[in-house]
């Protein structure tokens, strides 16, 4: 059954990437649309804002886009009016759930806020990030904010460039390793205090799901979350946890949720290394 599920999940992902494509943007045309800012990432030479297009009058409505800027003051949960040329995104961006690249300018809509439960979670993450900035000074504030919440918008270009040259830029993001340390550490702490495997597993499972939402569904965290949840679920239902079945189930769920992940090198390397 596990092998059959893997085959079906892989076939679905391959067919989806081959035949199901978002609308192709017209060349040499400037699009105008309203979008919500999902995240802002700072790199050594640019700033990237991930936009959730929310404009029923635009053919691109319901899709996501990366917008690269030399400077910006945007924060997650901002609403912007975008005037830009749009092209189809790279394969790597598609594997992260982003369909387009936008090049142009934006106008902040300060009187508007996005609606929906997902943006309520992002707003809470912003409050936690602001609390971290109030607690720490200088570069440390941006570093801890990125490490705990996954929001890299407050990390300076100089720090990003230094980490990039050193080959450790991944430290400035919430990764699967960070997630596993936090959740497994919480589970072991609860077990040491209460010594009730079923209850502790339930609390840890809930914490894993909440932290995944809190950090914005990054691919590495999502993979780690599914693995942890499978282990905790086995504890709750008093079943033996099989690592290969867990890993296969995680891969199938990820492919159904985000089919373009099948062409993501980091996902393939991660699963091969785990096997």
Protein backbone atom coordinates (compact mmCIF):
# COMPACT_ATOMS: atom_id res chain seq x y z
CA UNK A 1 0.00 0.00 0.00
CA UNK A 2 2.83 2.37 0.83
CA UNK A 3 4.54 1.66 -2.49
CA UNK A 4 1.25 2.08 -4.40
CA UNK A 5 0.57 5.40 -2.64
CA UNK A 6 4.05 6.64 -3.57
CA UNK A 7 3.51 5.70 -7.21
CA UNK A 8 0.08 7.39 -7.32
CA UNK A 9 1.35 10.51 -5.57
CA UNK A 10 4.32 10.81 -7.90
CA UNK A 11 2.20 10.24 -11.04
CA UNK A 12 -0.29 12.86 -9.86
CA UNK A 13 2.49 15.38 -9.26
CA UNK A 14 4.10 14.76 -12.65
CA UNK A 15 0.77 15.04 -14.51
CA UNK A 16 -0.18 18.17 -12.55
CA UNK A 17 3.09 19.95 -13.39
CA UNK A 18 2.82 18.91 -17.04
CA UNK A 19 -0.82 19.76 -17.79
CA UNK A 20 -2.14 22.11 -15.07
CA UNK A 21 -0.65 25.55 -15.43
CA UNK A 22 -1.74 29.01 -14.24
CA UNK A 23 -2.74 31.65 -16.82
CA UNK A 24 0.23 32.73 -18.93
CA UNK A 25 0.93 36.47 -18.48
CA UNK A 26 1.08 38.57 -21.65
CA UNK A 27 4.49 39.83 -22.69
CA UNK A 28 5.12 43.60 -22.84
CA UNK A 29 2.05 44.31 -20.73
CA UNK A 30 1.91 46.08 -17.38
CA UNK A 31 -0.54 44.53 -14.93
CA UNK A 32 -2.33 46.40 -12.16
CA UNK A 33 -3.59 44.38 -9.23
CA UNK A 34 -4.18 44.45 -5.47
CA UNK A 35 -2.20 42.00 -3.36
CA UNK A 36 -1.50 41.08 0.25
CA UNK A 37 2.10 40.73 1.42
CA UNK A 38 2.71 37.19 2.73
CA UNK A 39 6.41 37.55 3.55
CA UNK A 40 9.44 39.77 3.02
CA UNK A 41 12.95 38.30 2.65
CA UNK A 42 16.20 40.26 2.61
CA UNK A 43 19.10 39.08 0.45
CA UNK A 44 22.61 40.40 -0.11
CA UNK A 45 21.62 42.37 -3.22
CA UNK A 46 17.83 42.70 -3.13
CA UNK A 47 14.62 42.40 -1.14
CA UNK A 48 11.93 39.91 -2.12
CA UNK A 49 8.28 40.31 -1.22
CA UNK A 50 5.91 37.37 -1.68
CA UNK A 51 2.51 38.64 -2.79
CA UNK A 52 -0.86 36.93 -2.60
CA UNK A 53 -2.85 38.41 -5.51
CA UNK A 54 -6.37 39.29 -4.30
CA UNK A 55 -8.00 41.13 -7.19
CA UNK A 56 -11.02 39.62 -8.95
CA UNK A 57 -10.62 42.07 -11.84
CA UNK A 58 -7.19 40.60 -12.68
CA UNK A 59 -6.68 37.32 -14.53
CA UNK A 60 -3.90 36.44 -12.07
CA UNK A 61 -6.28 36.50 -9.09
CA UNK A 62 -5.72 33.72 -6.56
CA UNK A 63 -2.07 33.14 -7.43
CA UNK A 64 1.18 34.19 -5.77
CA UNK A 65 4.06 36.28 -7.08
CA UNK A 66 7.58 37.24 -6.05
CA UNK A 67 8.42 40.93 -6.41
CA UNK A 68 12.10 41.90 -6.22
CA UNK A 69 12.95 45.38 -4.96
CA UNK A 70 16.12 47.33 -4.20
CA UNK A 71 14.50 48.78 -1.08
CA UNK A 72 11.13 48.56 0.63
CA UNK A 73 9.34 49.26 3.88
CA UNK A 74 6.71 46.55 3.45
CA UNK A 75 5.78 44.12 6.20
CA UNK A 76 3.66 40.95 6.15
CA UNK A 77 -0.10 41.66 6.17
CA UNK A 78 0.31 44.93 4.22
CA UNK A 79 -2.01 45.53 1.25
CA UNK A 80 -0.40 46.99 -1.87
CA UNK A 81 -1.45 48.17 -5.31
CA UNK A 82 1.06 46.79 -7.80
CA UNK A 83 1.93 48.16 -11.24
CA UNK A 84 4.30 45.69 -12.86
CA UNK A 85 5.18 43.48 -15.78
CA UNK A 86 4.67 39.82 -14.93
CA UNK A 87 6.46 36.70 -16.11
CA UNK A 88 6.13 33.03 -15.29
CA UNK A 89 8.25 32.06 -12.29
CA UNK A 90 11.15 29.63 -12.24
CA UNK A 91 10.72 25.95 -11.49
CA UNK A 92 12.23 26.47 -8.04
CA UNK A 93 9.73 29.23 -7.20
CA UNK A 94 6.86 27.05 -8.43
CA UNK A 95 7.99 24.28 -6.11
CA UNK A 96 7.52 26.79 -3.28
CA UNK A 97 3.98 27.59 -4.44
CA UNK A 98 4.74 30.85 -6.32
CA UNK A 99 3.55 31.14 -9.93
CA UNK A 100 4.81 34.55 -11.11
CA UNK A 101 7.62 37.11 -10.94
CA UNK A 102 6.57 40.77 -10.90
CA UNK A 103 8.84 43.67 -11.88
CA UNK A 104 7.62 47.20 -11.21
CA UNK A 105 6.43 49.42 -8.40
CA UNK A 106 3.85 49.36 -5.64
CA UNK A 107 1.70 51.71 -3.61
CA UNK A 108 0.95 50.87 0.01
CA UNK A 109 -2.77 50.81 0.89
CA UNK A 110 -2.37 51.84 4.54
CA UNK A 111 -6.11 51.86 5.26
CA UNK A 112 -6.65 48.23 4.24
CA UNK A 113 -5.78 44.93 5.91
CA UNK A 114 -6.11 41.39 4.51
CA UNK A 115 -8.87 39.15 5.78
CA UNK A 116 -8.80 35.49 6.72
CA UNK A 117 -7.46 33.19 9.43
CA UNK A 118 -4.06 32.81 7.74
CA UNK A 119 -3.35 36.53 7.95
CA UNK A 120 -4.52 36.56 11.55
CA UNK A 121 -1.70 34.12 12.29
CA UNK A 122 0.77 36.28 10.35
CA UNK A 123 -0.38 39.32 12.34
CA UNK A 124 0.27 37.40 15.58
CA UNK A 125 3.73 36.49 14.27
CA UNK A 126 4.35 40.19 13.65
CA UNK A 127 3.44 40.98 17.26
CA UNK A 128 5.87 38.33 18.50
CA UNK A 129 8.55 39.75 16.21
CA UNK A 130 7.93 43.27 17.53
CA UNK A 131 8.23 41.96 21.09
CA UNK A 132 11.61 40.44 20.20
CA UNK A 133 12.75 43.78 18.75
CA UNK A 134 11.69 45.54 21.95
CA UNK A 135 13.71 43.04 23.98
CA UNK A 136 16.95 42.98 21.97
CA UNK A 137 19.00 45.74 20.35
CA UNK A 138 20.67 46.17 16.97
CA UNK A 139 21.50 43.22 14.76
CA UNK A 140 20.56 40.73 17.49
CA UNK A 141 16.88 41.70 17.22
CA UNK A 142 16.68 40.88 13.51
CA UNK A 143 18.68 37.68 14.00
CA UNK A 144 16.44 36.32 16.78
CA UNK A 145 13.32 37.39 14.91
CA UNK A 146 14.40 35.36 11.87
CA UNK A 147 15.46 32.39 13.98
CA UNK A 148 12.24 32.17 16.02
CA UNK A 149 9.51 33.39 13.66
CA UNK A 150 11.05 32.84 10.22
CA UNK A 151 10.62 36.54 9.35
CA UNK A 152 13.88 37.75 7.78
CA UNK A 153 12.63 41.21 6.83
CA UNK A 154 14.48 42.89 9.72
CA UNK A 155 17.87 41.31 9.04
CA UNK A 156 20.22 43.87 7.49
CA UNK A 157 21.76 43.43 4.06
CA UNK A 158 25.24 43.33 5.64
CA UNK A 159 24.35 40.43 7.93
CA UNK A 160 22.68 38.54 5.06
CA UNK A 161 25.75 39.05 2.89
CA UNK A 162 28.07 37.81 5.65
CA UNK A 163 26.03 34.67 6.27
CA UNK A 164 25.75 34.06 2.52
CA UNK A 165 29.53 34.30 1.99
CA UNK A 166 30.06 31.92 4.91
CA UNK A 167 27.64 29.37 3.44
CA UNK A 168 25.37 29.37 6.52
CA UNK A 169 22.49 31.54 5.28
CA UNK A 170 20.07 28.70 6.09
CA UNK A 171 20.58 29.45 9.79
CA UNK A 172 18.58 32.67 9.32
CA UNK A 173 15.40 30.70 8.61
CA UNK A 174 13.28 28.30 10.61
CA UNK A 175 14.36 24.94 9.20
CA UNK A 176 13.28 21.37 9.79
CA UNK A 177 16.16 20.96 12.22
CA UNK A 178 15.07 23.97 14.30
CA UNK A 179 11.51 22.67 14.29
CA UNK A 180 12.50 19.17 15.38
CA UNK A 181 14.68 20.46 18.23
CA UNK A 182 11.83 22.63 19.56
CA UNK A 183 9.00 20.10 19.26
CA UNK A 184 10.93 16.99 20.33
CA UNK A 185 12.46 19.03 23.17
CA UNK A 186 8.95 20.05 24.28
CA UNK A 187 7.77 16.42 24.12
CA UNK A 188 10.68 15.14 26.21
CA UNK A 189 10.19 17.92 28.76
CA UNK A 190 6.50 17.03 29.09
CA UNK A 191 7.36 13.34 29.44
CA UNK A 192 9.89 14.11 32.16
CA UNK A 193 7.29 16.12 34.10
CA UNK A 194 4.02 14.24 33.54
CA UNK A 195 5.18 10.78 32.33
CA UNK A 196 1.95 10.23 30.36
CA UNK A 197 2.88 9.25 26.81
CA UNK A 198 -0.55 9.64 25.20
CA UNK A 199 -1.32 13.07 26.70
CA UNK A 200 2.18 14.41 26.06
CA UNK A 201 2.02 13.22 22.45
CA UNK A 202 -1.32 15.00 21.96
CA UNK A 203 0.06 18.28 23.34
CA UNK A 204 3.21 17.98 21.22
CA UNK A 205 1.16 17.19 18.10
CA UNK A 206 -0.97 20.30 18.63
CA UNK A 207 2.15 22.40 19.24
CA UNK A 208 3.70 21.06 16.02
CA UNK A 209 0.67 22.08 13.95
CA UNK A 210 0.47 25.52 15.56
CA UNK A 211 4.18 26.22 15.07
CA UNK A 212 3.93 25.14 11.42
CA UNK A 213 1.14 27.70 10.91
CA UNK A 214 3.09 30.30 12.88
CA UNK A 215 6.21 30.01 10.73
CA UNK A 216 4.33 30.20 7.42
CA UNK A 217 4.35 26.66 5.99
CA UNK A 218 7.96 26.70 4.77
CA UNK A 219 8.69 23.41 2.90
CA UNK A 220 11.36 22.19 5.34
CA UNK A 221 9.19 22.90 8.39
CA UNK A 222 6.18 21.25 6.74
CA UNK A 223 8.20 18.09 6.12
CA UNK A 224 9.43 17.98 9.71
CA UNK A 225 5.92 18.73 11.04
CA UNK A 226 4.34 15.83 9.15
CA UNK A 227 7.02 13.43 10.39
CA UNK A 228 6.62 14.56 14.02
CA UNK A 229 2.81 14.39 13.79
CA UNK A 230 2.99 10.84 12.41
CA UNK A 231 5.15 9.74 15.34
CA UNK A 232 2.93 11.44 17.93
CA UNK A 233 -0.23 10.05 16.30
CA UNK A 234 1.22 6.54 16.56
CA UNK A 235 1.81 7.15 20.28
CA UNK A 236 -1.74 8.39 20.78
CA UNK A 237 -3.36 5.40 19.05
CA UNK A 238 -0.84 2.96 20.56
CA UNK A 239 0.41 1.83 17.19
CA UNK A 240 3.98 1.04 16.23
CA UNK A 241 5.56 3.90 14.29
CA UNK A 242 7.27 2.74 11.10
CA UNK A 243 9.80 5.27 9.78
CA UNK A 244 9.54 4.29 6.11
CA UNK A 245 5.73 4.35 6.15
CA UNK A 246 5.80 7.75 7.89
CA UNK A 247 8.26 9.11 5.35
CA UNK A 248 6.22 7.76 2.43
CA UNK A 249 2.99 9.22 3.83
CA UNK A 250 4.64 12.60 4.29
CA UNK A 251 5.88 12.61 0.69
CA UNK A 252 2.44 11.68 -0.68
CA UNK A 253 0.72 14.41 1.37
CA UNK A 254 3.27 17.00 0.26
CA UNK A 255 2.85 16.03 -3.40
CA UNK A 256 -0.94 16.26 -3.15
CA UNK A 257 -0.72 19.62 -1.34
CA UNK A 258 2.02 21.11 -3.53
CA UNK A 259 2.62 19.01 -6.70
CA UNK A 260 5.50 21.15 -7.98
CA UNK A 261 7.52 19.95 -4.97
CA UNK A 262 8.37 16.91 -7.10
CA UNK A 263 10.95 19.08 -8.93
CA UNK A 264 12.38 20.71 -5.80
CA UNK A 265 16.00 19.52 -5.34
CA UNK A 266 15.95 20.28 -1.60
CA UNK A 267 12.89 18.05 -1.11
CA UNK A 268 14.43 15.19 -3.09
CA UNK A 269 17.77 15.47 -1.26
CA UNK A 270 16.01 15.68 2.09
CA UNK A 271 13.99 12.52 1.53
CA UNK A 272 16.90 10.59 0.01
CA UNK A 273 19.11 11.56 2.96
CA UNK A 274 16.41 10.49 5.44
CA UNK A 275 15.97 7.13 3.69
